[in-house]
Amino acid sequence: RICPIWWEVSKLPLFETSHQMGHILSALYSCDRLDLLNQDKPFLAFHLSGGTTDLLLCTPNKQDIISIEQVGGSTDLKAGQLVDRIGVKMGLNFPAGKELEMLALQSDNEYKPKICVKELDCCLSGGQNMCEKMLHENSENSETAKFLLCFIAESIYKLSQNARAKYGELPIIFAGGVMSNSIIKQKLSKLKDVYFAKPQFSSDNAVGIAIFSAMKYRRK
């Protein structure tokens, strides 16, 4: 016997999407730029989290809402991995992002670390090595934390410049849990036409999935 409730639920349309789509749409909603979906030109997006450090070329279209192509990012460690690895070494709780940011805000130093960026790809493992060296040399945890966040910020800043050199002066959307960090955001805010998901929308893509479903249903 078929359960009546299941029968009704089974009649609902099914729309398949991706983790990336959810984060991008959450960010667009959060920073009030859903209008980019109605324009004929693409935009760039970064998704920085514990599992991703991706540079994405996003092209709006009627069928898929957005066509997403990964065009760059980190070739080794992800930004969130780097934060957590160094944070744990300093005795912080996992995940370490919030505590590490609080430590870094205690430092007044401005760092411009040596980064490894080639065209649209970066390597972040060097940042881990440099931070571990600082800890080994008994640097203050606040200084190591500040250096680490500056390293990530400089890497993404350079990738943003390179992406615009290749694709033109497109808007850039920043999404993912790492992008809730105020120090990284401060550096990237120096770029023009950039937009950031609010912290409560940075690490959660549920809102984006809801928006995707609503838009697909209306278009269907």
N, C-alpha and C. Protein backbone atom coordinates (compact mmCIF):
# COMPACT_ATOMS: atom_id res chain seq x y z
N ARG A 1 0.84 -1.19 0.00
CA ARG A 1 0.00 0.00 0.00
C ARG A 1 0.88 1.24 0.00
N ILE A 2 0.57 2.20 -0.86
CA ILE A 2 1.37 3.43 -0.95
C ILE A 2 0.85 4.45 0.05
N CYS A 3 1.75 4.98 0.85
CA CYS A 3 1.39 6.00 1.82
C CYS A 3 0.90 7.25 1.08
N PRO A 4 -0.28 7.77 1.42
CA PRO A 4 -0.81 8.96 0.72
C PRO A 4 0.13 10.15 0.76
N ILE A 5 0.78 10.35 1.93
CA ILE A 5 1.70 11.49 2.06
C ILE A 5 2.87 11.32 1.10
N TRP A 6 3.45 10.14 1.06
CA TRP A 6 4.57 9.89 0.15
C TRP A 6 4.14 10.08 -1.30
N TRP A 7 2.91 9.68 -1.61
CA TRP A 7 2.41 9.83 -2.97
C TRP A 7 2.35 11.30 -3.35
N GLU A 8 1.89 12.15 -2.43
CA GLU A 8 1.81 13.58 -2.71
C GLU A 8 3.21 14.18 -2.83
N VAL A 9 4.12 13.78 -1.92
CA VAL A 9 5.49 14.31 -1.96
C VAL A 9 6.18 13.91 -3.25
N SER A 10 5.92 12.71 -3.71
CA SER A 10 6.60 12.21 -4.91
C SER A 10 6.21 12.98 -6.16
N LYS A 11 5.13 13.74 -6.09
CA LYS A 11 4.71 14.54 -7.23
C LYS A 11 5.45 15.86 -7.33
N LEU A 12 6.22 16.19 -6.31
CA LEU A 12 6.96 17.45 -6.33
C LEU A 12 8.09 17.38 -7.35
N PRO A 13 8.39 18.49 -8.01
CA PRO A 13 9.50 18.49 -8.97
C PRO A 13 10.84 18.37 -8.25
N LEU A 14 11.78 17.72 -8.88
CA LEU A 14 13.13 17.56 -8.32
C LEU A 14 14.11 18.37 -9.15
N PHE A 15 14.84 19.26 -8.50
CA PHE A 15 15.84 20.08 -9.17
C PHE A 15 17.21 19.73 -8.59
N GLU A 16 18.13 19.36 -9.43
CA GLU A 16 19.48 19.01 -8.99
C GLU A 16 20.38 20.23 -9.08
N THR A 17 21.21 20.41 -8.05
CA THR A 17 22.12 21.55 -8.04
C THR A 17 23.42 21.15 -7.35
N SER A 18 24.22 22.12 -6.97
CA SER A 18 25.54 21.83 -6.39
C SER A 18 25.80 22.65 -5.14
N HIS A 19 26.78 22.21 -4.40
CA HIS A 19 27.24 22.92 -3.20
C HIS A 19 27.66 24.34 -3.56
N GLN A 20 28.39 24.48 -4.66
CA GLN A 20 28.87 25.79 -5.09
C GLN A 20 27.71 26.73 -5.41
N MET A 21 26.71 26.20 -6.10
CA MET A 21 25.55 27.02 -6.45
C MET A 21 24.90 27.61 -5.20
N GLY A 22 24.73 26.78 -4.18
CA GLY A 22 24.12 27.25 -2.96
C GLY A 22 24.87 28.39 -2.33
N HIS A 23 26.19 28.28 -2.26
CA HIS A 23 26.99 29.34 -1.64
C HIS A 23 26.97 30.62 -2.48
N ILE A 24 27.03 30.49 -3.78
CA ILE A 24 27.03 31.68 -4.64
C ILE A 24 25.70 32.43 -4.51
N LEU A 25 24.60 31.69 -4.57
CA LEU A 25 23.30 32.34 -4.47
C LEU A 25 23.05 32.91 -3.08
N SER A 26 23.54 32.22 -2.05
CA SER A 26 23.44 32.78 -0.69
C SER A 26 24.17 34.11 -0.60
N ALA A 27 25.35 34.16 -1.19
CA ALA A 27 26.14 35.39 -1.16
C ALA A 27 25.45 36.50 -1.95
N LEU A 28 24.94 36.17 -3.13
CA LEU A 28 24.26 37.17 -3.95
C LEU A 28 23.04 37.74 -3.21
N TYR A 29 22.29 36.87 -2.56
CA TYR A 29 21.13 37.31 -1.78
C TYR A 29 21.56 38.20 -0.61
N SER A 30 22.62 37.77 0.07
CA SER A 30 23.09 38.48 1.26
C SER A 30 23.56 39.89 0.94
N CYS A 31 24.27 40.05 -0.17
CA CYS A 31 24.81 41.37 -0.52
C CYS A 31 23.91 42.12 -1.50
N ASP A 32 22.68 41.64 -1.69
CA ASP A 32 21.67 42.31 -2.50
C ASP A 32 22.13 42.49 -3.95
N ARG A 33 22.71 41.42 -4.52
CA ARG A 33 23.14 41.47 -5.92
C ARG A 33 22.54 40.33 -6.75
N LEU A 34 21.34 39.90 -6.41
CA LEU A 34 20.67 38.91 -7.24
C LEU A 34 20.40 39.46 -8.64
N ASP A 35 20.50 40.79 -8.77
CA ASP A 35 20.30 41.39 -10.10
C ASP A 35 21.34 40.93 -11.11
N LEU A 36 22.49 40.45 -10.62
CA LEU A 36 23.53 39.96 -11.53
C LEU A 36 23.04 38.76 -12.34
N LEU A 37 22.03 38.07 -11.83
CA LEU A 37 21.48 36.91 -12.54
C LEU A 37 20.66 37.32 -13.75
N ASN A 38 20.27 38.58 -13.80
CA ASN A 38 19.45 39.07 -14.91
C ASN A 38 20.26 39.81 -15.97
N GLN A 39 21.58 39.82 -15.79
CA GLN A 39 22.43 40.53 -16.73
C GLN A 39 23.05 39.54 -17.73
N ASP A 40 23.48 40.08 -18.84
CA ASP A 40 24.02 39.23 -19.91
C ASP A 40 25.50 38.91 -19.73
N LYS A 41 26.16 39.55 -18.80
CA LYS A 41 27.59 39.31 -18.64
C LYS A 41 27.87 38.43 -17.43
N PRO A 42 29.00 37.74 -17.44
CA PRO A 42 29.35 36.88 -16.31
C PRO A 42 29.88 37.69 -15.13
N PHE A 43 30.10 37.02 -14.03
CA PHE A 43 30.76 37.61 -12.88
C PHE A 43 31.69 36.56 -12.28
N LEU A 44 32.59 37.00 -11.43
CA LEU A 44 33.53 36.11 -10.78
C LEU A 44 33.09 35.85 -9.34
N ALA A 45 33.43 34.69 -8.83
CA ALA A 45 33.12 34.37 -7.44
C ALA A 45 34.26 33.57 -6.83
N PHE A 46 34.54 33.84 -5.57
CA PHE A 46 35.47 33.03 -4.79
C PHE A 46 34.66 32.30 -3.72
N HIS A 47 34.96 31.02 -3.55
CA HIS A 47 34.36 30.24 -2.48
C HIS A 47 35.49 29.71 -1.61
N LEU A 48 35.60 30.27 -0.41
CA LEU A 48 36.68 29.92 0.51
C LEU A 48 36.11 29.28 1.76
N SER A 49 36.49 28.02 1.99
CA SER A 49 36.01 27.31 3.17
C SER A 49 37.05 26.26 3.55
N GLY A 50 36.65 25.35 4.45
CA GLY A 50 37.56 24.28 4.84
C GLY A 50 37.82 23.28 3.73
N GLY A 51 36.89 23.17 2.79
CA GLY A 51 37.05 22.20 1.72
C GLY A 51 37.24 22.79 0.35
N THR A 52 37.15 24.12 0.23
CA THR A 52 37.27 24.74 -1.08
C THR A 52 38.04 26.06 -0.99
N THR A 53 38.85 26.31 -1.98
CA THR A 53 39.40 27.64 -2.25
C THR A 53 39.38 27.75 -3.76
N ASP A 54 38.21 28.10 -4.27
CA ASP A 54 37.95 28.03 -5.70
C ASP A 54 37.65 29.41 -6.27
N LEU A 55 38.20 29.65 -7.45
CA LEU A 55 37.89 30.84 -8.24
C LEU A 55 36.95 30.39 -9.35
N LEU A 56 35.77 31.01 -9.42
CA LEU A 56 34.71 30.53 -10.30
C LEU A 56 34.28 31.61 -11.27
N LEU A 57 34.10 31.22 -12.52
CA LEU A 57 33.52 32.10 -13.53
C LEU A 57 32.05 31.72 -13.64
N CYS A 58 31.18 32.67 -13.34
CA CYS A 58 29.74 32.40 -13.26
C CYS A 58 29.00 33.13 -14.38
N THR A 59 28.30 32.36 -15.20
CA THR A 59 27.57 32.93 -16.33
C THR A 59 26.09 32.66 -16.17
N PRO A 60 25.27 33.69 -15.95
CA PRO A 60 23.83 33.47 -15.80
C PRO A 60 23.21 32.91 -17.08
N ASN A 61 22.26 32.01 -16.92
CA ASN A 61 21.51 31.51 -18.07
C ASN A 61 20.12 31.06 -17.61
N LYS A 62 19.20 30.92 -18.54
CA LYS A 62 17.81 30.63 -18.20
C LYS A 62 17.62 29.20 -17.73
N GLN A 63 18.39 28.28 -18.26
CA GLN A 63 18.18 26.86 -17.94
C GLN A 63 18.73 26.48 -16.57
N ASP A 64 19.97 26.87 -16.28
CA ASP A 64 20.64 26.41 -15.06
C ASP A 64 20.76 27.48 -13.98
N ILE A 65 20.19 28.65 -14.19
CA ILE A 65 20.34 29.82 -13.32
C ILE A 65 21.73 30.41 -13.48
N ILE A 66 22.77 29.58 -13.16
CA ILE A 66 24.16 30.00 -13.36
C ILE A 66 24.95 28.82 -13.90
N SER A 67 25.74 29.05 -14.92
CA SER A 67 26.74 28.08 -15.36
C SER A 67 28.04 28.39 -14.62
N ILE A 68 28.53 27.44 -13.84
CA ILE A 68 29.69 27.67 -12.98
C ILE A 68 30.89 26.90 -13.52
N GLU A 69 31.97 27.60 -13.77
CA GLU A 69 33.22 26.99 -14.24
C GLU A 69 34.35 27.37 -13.29
N GLN A 70 35.00 26.35 -12.74
CA GLN A 70 36.16 26.64 -11.90
C GLN A 70 37.34 26.97 -12.80
N VAL A 71 37.88 28.17 -12.63
CA VAL A 71 38.97 28.62 -13.49
C VAL A 71 40.27 28.79 -12.71
N GLY A 72 40.24 28.59 -11.41
CA GLY A 72 41.45 28.73 -10.62
C GLY A 72 41.17 28.43 -9.16
N GLY A 73 42.18 28.70 -8.34
CA GLY A 73 42.06 28.46 -6.91
C GLY A 73 43.35 27.90 -6.34
N SER A 74 43.26 27.25 -5.20
CA SER A 74 44.44 26.68 -4.56
C SER A 74 44.73 25.29 -5.11
N THR A 75 46.00 25.03 -5.37
CA THR A 75 46.39 23.72 -5.88
C THR A 75 46.80 22.77 -4.77
N ASP A 76 46.82 23.25 -3.52
CA ASP A 76 47.16 22.34 -2.42
C ASP A 76 46.19 22.54 -1.25
N LEU A 77 46.62 23.21 -0.21
CA LEU A 77 45.76 23.42 0.95
C LEU A 77 44.61 24.35 0.62
N LYS A 78 43.48 24.16 1.29
CA LYS A 78 42.38 25.09 1.21
C LYS A 78 42.52 26.11 2.34
N ALA A 79 41.94 27.27 2.14
CA ALA A 79 42.13 28.35 3.11
C ALA A 79 41.67 27.95 4.51
N GLY A 80 40.51 27.29 4.59
CA GLY A 80 40.01 26.87 5.89
C GLY A 80 40.89 25.82 6.54
N GLN A 81 41.48 24.94 5.74
CA GLN A 81 42.42 23.94 6.27
C GLN A 81 43.62 24.63 6.90
N LEU A 82 44.13 25.64 6.22
CA LEU A 82 45.30 26.36 6.72
C LEU A 82 44.99 27.02 8.05
N VAL A 83 43.84 27.67 8.13
CA VAL A 83 43.43 28.32 9.38
C VAL A 83 43.33 27.31 10.51
N ASP A 84 42.69 26.17 10.24
CA ASP A 84 42.47 25.18 11.29
C ASP A 84 43.77 24.50 11.72
N ARG A 85 44.65 24.22 10.76
CA ARG A 85 45.91 23.54 11.12
C ARG A 85 46.76 24.41 12.04
N ILE A 86 46.89 25.68 11.71
CA ILE A 86 47.70 26.56 12.55
C ILE A 86 46.96 26.87 13.85
N GLY A 87 45.65 27.05 13.77
CA GLY A 87 44.88 27.31 14.98
C GLY A 87 45.01 26.19 15.99
N VAL A 88 44.91 24.95 15.54
CA VAL A 88 45.04 23.81 16.44
C VAL A 88 46.44 23.74 17.04
N LYS A 89 47.46 24.05 16.23
CA LYS A 89 48.83 24.06 16.75
C LYS A 89 49.01 25.12 17.85
N MET A 90 48.19 26.17 17.80
CA MET A 90 48.26 27.21 18.83
C MET A 90 47.35 26.88 20.01
N GLY A 91 46.68 25.73 19.96
CA GLY A 91 45.84 25.32 21.08
C GLY A 91 44.41 25.83 21.00
N LEU A 92 43.99 26.30 19.83
CA LEU A 92 42.63 26.80 19.67
C LEU A 92 41.68 25.64 19.39
N ASN A 93 40.41 25.89 19.62
CA ASN A 93 39.40 24.88 19.34
C ASN A 93 39.20 24.73 17.84
N PHE A 94 38.76 23.54 17.44
CA PHE A 94 38.45 23.26 16.05
C PHE A 94 36.95 23.34 15.84
N PRO A 95 36.49 24.02 14.79
CA PRO A 95 37.23 24.85 13.84
C PRO A 95 37.73 26.14 14.49
N ALA A 96 38.86 26.62 14.00
CA ALA A 96 39.60 27.67 14.71
C ALA A 96 39.37 29.07 14.19
N GLY A 97 38.54 29.25 13.17
CA GLY A 97 38.43 30.55 12.50
C GLY A 97 38.11 31.73 13.39
N LYS A 98 37.09 31.61 14.23
CA LYS A 98 36.68 32.75 15.06
C LYS A 98 37.73 33.10 16.11
N GLU A 99 38.26 32.07 16.78
CA GLU A 99 39.27 32.33 17.81
C GLU A 99 40.54 32.90 17.19
N LEU A 100 40.92 32.39 16.03
CA LEU A 100 42.13 32.89 15.38
C LEU A 100 41.96 34.35 14.96
N GLU A 101 40.78 34.70 14.49
CA GLU A 101 40.53 36.10 14.14
C GLU A 101 40.62 37.01 15.36
N MET A 102 40.07 36.57 16.48
CA MET A 102 40.14 37.37 17.71
C MET A 102 41.58 37.59 18.15
N LEU A 103 42.40 36.56 18.01
CA LEU A 103 43.83 36.70 18.31
C LEU A 103 44.49 37.71 17.37
N ALA A 104 44.21 37.56 16.08
CA ALA A 104 44.85 38.42 15.09
C ALA A 104 44.49 39.89 15.30
N LEU A 105 43.29 40.16 15.77
CA LEU A 105 42.86 41.54 15.98
C LEU A 105 43.60 42.21 17.13
N GLN A 106 44.33 41.43 17.92
CA GLN A 106 45.15 41.99 19.00
C GLN A 106 46.48 42.56 18.48
N SER A 107 46.80 42.24 17.22
CA SER A 107 48.06 42.69 16.63
C SER A 107 47.84 43.96 15.81
N ASP A 108 48.74 44.91 15.96
CA ASP A 108 48.71 46.14 15.18
C ASP A 108 49.64 46.08 13.98
N ASN A 109 50.39 44.99 13.86
CA ASN A 109 51.35 44.87 12.76
C ASN A 109 50.62 44.62 11.44
N GLU A 110 51.20 45.15 10.37
CA GLU A 110 50.71 44.91 9.03
C GLU A 110 51.75 44.07 8.29
N TYR A 111 51.34 42.91 7.84
CA TYR A 111 52.26 42.01 7.15
C TYR A 111 51.95 41.98 5.65
N LYS A 112 52.98 41.84 4.86
CA LYS A 112 52.85 41.60 3.42
C LYS A 112 53.69 40.36 3.09
N PRO A 113 53.14 39.19 3.37
CA PRO A 113 53.91 37.95 3.22
C PRO A 113 54.25 37.65 1.78
N LYS A 114 55.29 36.88 1.60
CA LYS A 114 55.62 36.37 0.28
C LYS A 114 54.63 35.27 -0.07
N ILE A 115 53.92 35.43 -1.17
CA ILE A 115 52.91 34.47 -1.57
C ILE A 115 53.34 33.73 -2.82
N CYS A 116 52.61 32.66 -3.14
CA CYS A 116 52.89 31.87 -4.32
C CYS A 116 51.64 31.84 -5.20
N VAL A 117 51.60 32.72 -6.18
CA VAL A 117 50.46 32.82 -7.10
C VAL A 117 51.00 32.79 -8.52
N LYS A 118 50.45 31.89 -9.32
CA LYS A 118 50.81 31.80 -10.73
C LYS A 118 49.53 31.85 -11.55
N GLU A 119 49.35 32.95 -12.24
CA GLU A 119 48.14 33.18 -13.04
C GLU A 119 46.90 33.07 -12.14
N LEU A 120 46.07 32.05 -12.33
CA LEU A 120 44.84 31.95 -11.55
C LEU A 120 44.90 30.86 -10.48
N ASP A 121 46.11 30.38 -10.20
CA ASP A 121 46.30 29.35 -9.17
C ASP A 121 47.24 29.85 -8.08
N CYS A 122 47.01 29.37 -6.87
CA CYS A 122 47.89 29.71 -5.76
C CYS A 122 48.24 28.46 -4.97
N CYS A 123 49.30 28.55 -4.21
CA CYS A 123 49.70 27.50 -3.27
C CYS A 123 49.66 28.10 -1.87
N LEU A 124 48.98 27.43 -0.96
CA LEU A 124 48.85 27.95 0.40
C LEU A 124 49.69 27.20 1.42
N SER A 125 50.30 26.09 1.00
CA SER A 125 51.09 25.31 1.96
C SER A 125 52.30 26.09 2.47
N GLY A 126 52.81 27.02 1.65
CA GLY A 126 53.93 27.84 2.12
C GLY A 126 53.54 28.67 3.34
N GLY A 127 52.28 29.09 3.39
CA GLY A 127 51.81 29.83 4.56
C GLY A 127 51.87 29.00 5.82
N GLN A 128 51.55 27.72 5.70
CA GLN A 128 51.65 26.84 6.86
C GLN A 128 53.10 26.74 7.33
N ASN A 129 54.01 26.59 6.39
CA ASN A 129 55.43 26.47 6.76
C ASN A 129 55.93 27.73 7.46
N MET A 130 55.54 28.89 6.95
CA MET A 130 56.01 30.14 7.55
C MET A 130 55.41 30.36 8.93
N CYS A 131 54.15 29.99 9.11
CA CYS A 131 53.52 30.14 10.42
C CYS A 131 54.11 29.16 11.44
N GLU A 132 54.38 27.95 11.00
CA GLU A 132 55.00 26.98 11.90
C GLU A 132 56.39 27.45 12.32
N LYS A 133 57.11 28.09 11.42
CA LYS A 133 58.42 28.64 11.75
C LYS A 133 58.28 29.75 12.80
N MET A 134 57.26 30.59 12.65
CA MET A 134 57.03 31.65 13.63
C MET A 134 56.73 31.06 15.01
N LEU A 135 55.91 30.01 15.03
CA LEU A 135 55.59 29.38 16.31
C LEU A 135 56.83 28.74 16.93
N HIS A 136 57.66 28.12 16.09
CA HIS A 136 58.89 27.49 16.57
C HIS A 136 59.84 28.53 17.16
N GLU A 137 59.80 29.73 16.61
CA GLU A 137 60.66 30.81 17.10
C GLU A 137 59.99 31.61 18.22
N ASN A 138 58.90 31.05 18.75
CA ASN A 138 58.20 31.64 19.91
C ASN A 138 57.58 33.01 19.63
N SER A 139 57.12 33.20 18.43
CA SER A 139 56.37 34.43 18.14
C SER A 139 55.06 34.42 18.93
N GLU A 140 54.55 35.59 19.21
CA GLU A 140 53.26 35.68 19.88
C GLU A 140 52.18 35.06 18.98
N ASN A 141 51.26 34.36 19.61
CA ASN A 141 50.18 33.75 18.84
C ASN A 141 49.39 34.79 18.06
N SER A 142 49.23 35.97 18.62
CA SER A 142 48.48 37.02 17.92
C SER A 142 49.19 37.44 16.64
N GLU A 143 50.53 37.46 16.67
CA GLU A 143 51.29 37.84 15.48
C GLU A 143 51.22 36.75 14.41
N THR A 144 51.32 35.50 14.84
CA THR A 144 51.22 34.39 13.90
C THR A 144 49.84 34.37 13.25
N ALA A 145 48.81 34.61 14.05
CA ALA A 145 47.44 34.62 13.52
C ALA A 145 47.27 35.76 12.51
N LYS A 146 47.80 36.93 12.83
CA LYS A 146 47.68 38.07 11.92
C LYS A 146 48.44 37.79 10.62
N PHE A 147 49.63 37.24 10.73
CA PHE A 147 50.43 36.90 9.55
C PHE A 147 49.66 35.91 8.66
N LEU A 148 49.06 34.91 9.28
CA LEU A 148 48.34 33.89 8.52
C LEU A 148 47.19 34.49 7.73
N LEU A 149 46.41 35.34 8.37
CA LEU A 149 45.25 35.94 7.68
C LEU A 149 45.71 36.91 6.59
N CYS A 150 46.81 37.60 6.83
CA CYS A 150 47.36 38.47 5.79
C CYS A 150 47.85 37.65 4.60
N PHE A 151 48.40 36.48 4.88
CA PHE A 151 48.88 35.60 3.80
C PHE A 151 47.71 35.16 2.91
N ILE A 152 46.61 34.75 3.52
CA ILE A 152 45.45 34.35 2.73
C ILE A 152 44.89 35.54 1.95
N ALA A 153 44.78 36.67 2.62
CA ALA A 153 44.23 37.87 1.98
C ALA A 153 45.06 38.30 0.78
N GLU A 154 46.39 38.30 0.93
CA GLU A 154 47.26 38.70 -0.17
C GLU A 154 47.14 37.74 -1.35
N SER A 155 47.01 36.45 -1.05
CA SER A 155 46.89 35.44 -2.11
C SER A 155 45.61 35.65 -2.91
N ILE A 156 44.50 35.86 -2.22
CA ILE A 156 43.22 36.04 -2.91
C ILE A 156 43.18 37.38 -3.63
N TYR A 157 43.81 38.39 -3.05
CA TYR A 157 43.87 39.71 -3.69
C TYR A 157 44.59 39.61 -5.04
N LYS A 158 45.72 38.90 -5.05
CA LYS A 158 46.49 38.75 -6.28
C LYS A 158 45.72 37.92 -7.31
N LEU A 159 45.06 36.86 -6.85
CA LEU A 159 44.25 36.05 -7.77
C LEU A 159 43.14 36.90 -8.39
N SER A 160 42.55 37.78 -7.60
CA SER A 160 41.48 38.65 -8.10
C SER A 160 42.01 39.58 -9.20
N GLN A 161 43.18 40.15 -8.97
CA GLN A 161 43.78 41.02 -9.97
C GLN A 161 44.06 40.25 -11.25
N ASN A 162 44.61 39.05 -11.11
CA ASN A 162 44.93 38.24 -12.29
C ASN A 162 43.66 37.82 -13.05
N ALA A 163 42.61 37.51 -12.30
CA ALA A 163 41.36 37.10 -12.94
C ALA A 163 40.77 38.25 -13.75
N ARG A 164 40.84 39.45 -13.22
CA ARG A 164 40.32 40.60 -13.96
C ARG A 164 41.20 40.95 -15.16
N ALA A 165 42.49 40.68 -15.04
CA ALA A 165 43.37 40.91 -16.20
C ALA A 165 42.99 39.97 -17.34
N LYS A 166 42.48 38.79 -17.01
CA LYS A 166 42.12 37.82 -18.04
C LYS A 166 40.69 37.98 -18.53
N TYR A 167 39.75 38.22 -17.61
CA TYR A 167 38.33 38.21 -17.98
C TYR A 167 37.70 39.61 -18.03
N GLY A 168 38.45 40.63 -17.66
CA GLY A 168 37.89 41.97 -17.65
C GLY A 168 37.43 42.38 -16.26
N GLU A 169 36.99 43.61 -16.15
CA GLU A 169 36.62 44.17 -14.85
C GLU A 169 35.23 43.70 -14.42
N LEU A 170 35.13 42.42 -14.15
CA LEU A 170 33.86 41.83 -13.73
C LEU A 170 33.63 42.02 -12.23
N PRO A 171 32.38 42.05 -11.80
CA PRO A 171 32.11 42.04 -10.36
C PRO A 171 32.66 40.76 -9.74
N ILE A 172 33.05 40.85 -8.47
CA ILE A 172 33.55 39.66 -7.77
C ILE A 172 32.72 39.47 -6.50
N ILE A 173 32.21 38.24 -6.32
CA ILE A 173 31.45 37.86 -5.14
C ILE A 173 32.32 36.96 -4.27
N PHE A 174 32.34 37.22 -2.97
CA PHE A 174 33.12 36.39 -2.04
C PHE A 174 32.17 35.64 -1.12
N ALA A 175 32.34 34.31 -1.09
CA ALA A 175 31.46 33.46 -0.30
C ALA A 175 32.27 32.40 0.45
N GLY A 176 31.61 31.70 1.36
CA GLY A 176 32.26 30.65 2.13
C GLY A 176 32.62 31.11 3.53
N GLY A 177 32.79 30.15 4.43
CA GLY A 177 33.04 30.46 5.83
C GLY A 177 34.25 31.33 6.09
N VAL A 178 35.33 31.13 5.34
CA VAL A 178 36.55 31.92 5.55
C VAL A 178 36.30 33.39 5.27
N MET A 179 35.36 33.68 4.38
CA MET A 179 35.12 35.07 4.00
C MET A 179 34.35 35.86 5.05
N SER A 180 34.00 35.24 6.16
CA SER A 180 33.41 35.99 7.26
C SER A 180 34.48 36.69 8.09
N ASN A 181 35.75 36.45 7.75
CA ASN A 181 36.86 37.02 8.49
C ASN A 181 37.04 38.50 8.14
N SER A 182 37.06 39.36 9.14
CA SER A 182 37.11 40.81 8.92
C SER A 182 38.44 41.29 8.37
N ILE A 183 39.54 40.63 8.73
CA ILE A 183 40.86 41.06 8.27
C ILE A 183 41.02 40.76 6.78
N ILE A 184 40.59 39.59 6.35
CA ILE A 184 40.66 39.24 4.94
C ILE A 184 39.74 40.17 4.14
N LYS A 185 38.57 40.41 4.67
CA LYS A 185 37.60 41.28 3.99
C LYS A 185 38.15 42.70 3.84
N GLN A 186 38.82 43.19 4.86
CA GLN A 186 39.38 44.55 4.80
C GLN A 186 40.36 44.70 3.66
N LYS A 187 41.20 43.70 3.46
CA LYS A 187 42.18 43.75 2.37
C LYS A 187 41.48 43.69 1.01
N LEU A 188 40.54 42.79 0.85
CA LEU A 188 39.88 42.61 -0.44
C LEU A 188 38.94 43.75 -0.77
N SER A 189 38.51 44.48 0.24
CA SER A 189 37.62 45.63 0.01
C SER A 189 38.33 46.76 -0.73
N LYS A 190 39.64 46.70 -0.83
CA LYS A 190 40.38 47.71 -1.58
C LYS A 190 40.16 47.56 -3.09
N LEU A 191 39.69 46.39 -3.50
CA LEU A 191 39.34 46.19 -4.91
C LEU A 191 37.99 46.85 -5.17
N LYS A 192 37.76 47.28 -6.40
CA LYS A 192 36.48 47.89 -6.76
C LYS A 192 35.48 46.81 -7.20
N ASP A 193 34.20 47.12 -7.00
CA ASP A 193 33.11 46.28 -7.47
C ASP A 193 33.21 44.86 -6.90
N VAL A 194 33.42 44.78 -5.58
CA VAL A 194 33.46 43.48 -4.90
C VAL A 194 32.37 43.44 -3.84
N TYR A 195 31.86 42.23 -3.57
CA TYR A 195 30.72 42.07 -2.68
C TYR A 195 30.93 40.85 -1.79
N PHE A 196 30.52 40.98 -0.53
CA PHE A 196 30.77 39.95 0.46
C PHE A 196 29.46 39.46 1.09
N ALA A 197 29.36 38.16 1.24
CA ALA A 197 28.23 37.62 1.98
C ALA A 197 28.34 38.05 3.44
N LYS A 198 27.22 38.39 4.05
CA LYS A 198 27.23 38.67 5.48
C LYS A 198 27.64 37.41 6.23
N PRO A 199 28.26 37.56 7.42
CA PRO A 199 28.78 36.37 8.12
C PRO A 199 27.78 35.24 8.27
N GLN A 200 26.51 35.55 8.56
CA GLN A 200 25.53 34.48 8.76
C GLN A 200 25.19 33.75 7.47
N PHE A 201 25.54 34.34 6.33
CA PHE A 201 25.31 33.69 5.04
C PHE A 201 26.60 33.16 4.42
N SER A 202 27.72 33.35 5.09
CA SER A 202 29.01 32.95 4.52
C SER A 202 29.23 31.45 4.58
N SER A 203 28.85 30.84 5.69
CA SER A 203 29.17 29.42 5.88
C SER A 203 28.00 28.50 5.58
N ASP A 204 26.82 29.05 5.32
CA ASP A 204 25.63 28.23 5.10
C ASP A 204 25.08 28.48 3.71
N ASN A 205 24.82 27.41 2.97
CA ASN A 205 24.31 27.58 1.61
C ASN A 205 22.83 27.23 1.49
N ALA A 206 22.14 27.02 2.62
CA ALA A 206 20.73 26.61 2.58
C ALA A 206 19.86 27.67 1.91
N VAL A 207 20.12 28.93 2.21
CA VAL A 207 19.35 30.01 1.59
C VAL A 207 19.54 29.98 0.08
N GLY A 208 20.75 29.75 -0.37
CA GLY A 208 21.03 29.69 -1.79
C GLY A 208 20.30 28.54 -2.47
N ILE A 209 20.23 27.39 -1.81
CA ILE A 209 19.52 26.25 -2.37
C ILE A 209 18.02 26.56 -2.48
N ALA A 210 17.48 27.26 -1.47
CA ALA A 210 16.08 27.65 -1.51
C ALA A 210 15.81 28.61 -2.66
N ILE A 211 16.70 29.57 -2.86
CA ILE A 211 16.56 30.52 -3.97
C ILE A 211 16.63 29.79 -5.31
N PHE A 212 17.57 28.86 -5.42
CA PHE A 212 17.71 28.09 -6.66
C PHE A 212 16.41 27.34 -6.96
N SER A 213 15.86 26.67 -5.95
CA SER A 213 14.64 25.89 -6.14
C SER A 213 13.48 26.79 -6.57
N ALA A 214 13.36 27.95 -5.92
CA ALA A 214 12.28 28.87 -6.25
C ALA A 214 12.41 29.38 -7.69
N MET A 215 13.62 29.73 -8.07
CA MET A 215 13.82 30.26 -9.42
C MET A 215 13.59 29.18 -10.48
N LYS A 216 14.05 27.97 -10.21
CA LYS A 216 13.83 26.87 -11.16
C LYS A 216 12.34 26.55 -11.29
N TYR A 217 11.64 26.58 -10.18
CA TYR A 217 10.21 26.26 -10.22
C TYR A 217 9.44 27.32 -11.01
N ARG A 218 9.77 28.59 -10.79
CA ARG A 218 9.10 29.65 -11.52
C ARG A 218 9.37 29.58 -13.01
N ARG A 219 10.63 29.28 -13.34
CA ARG A 219 10.98 29.20 -14.76
C ARG A 219 10.38 27.97 -15.43
N LYS A 220 10.21 26.92 -14.63
CA LYS A 220 9.62 25.69 -15.17
C LYS A 220 8.13 25.92 -15.50
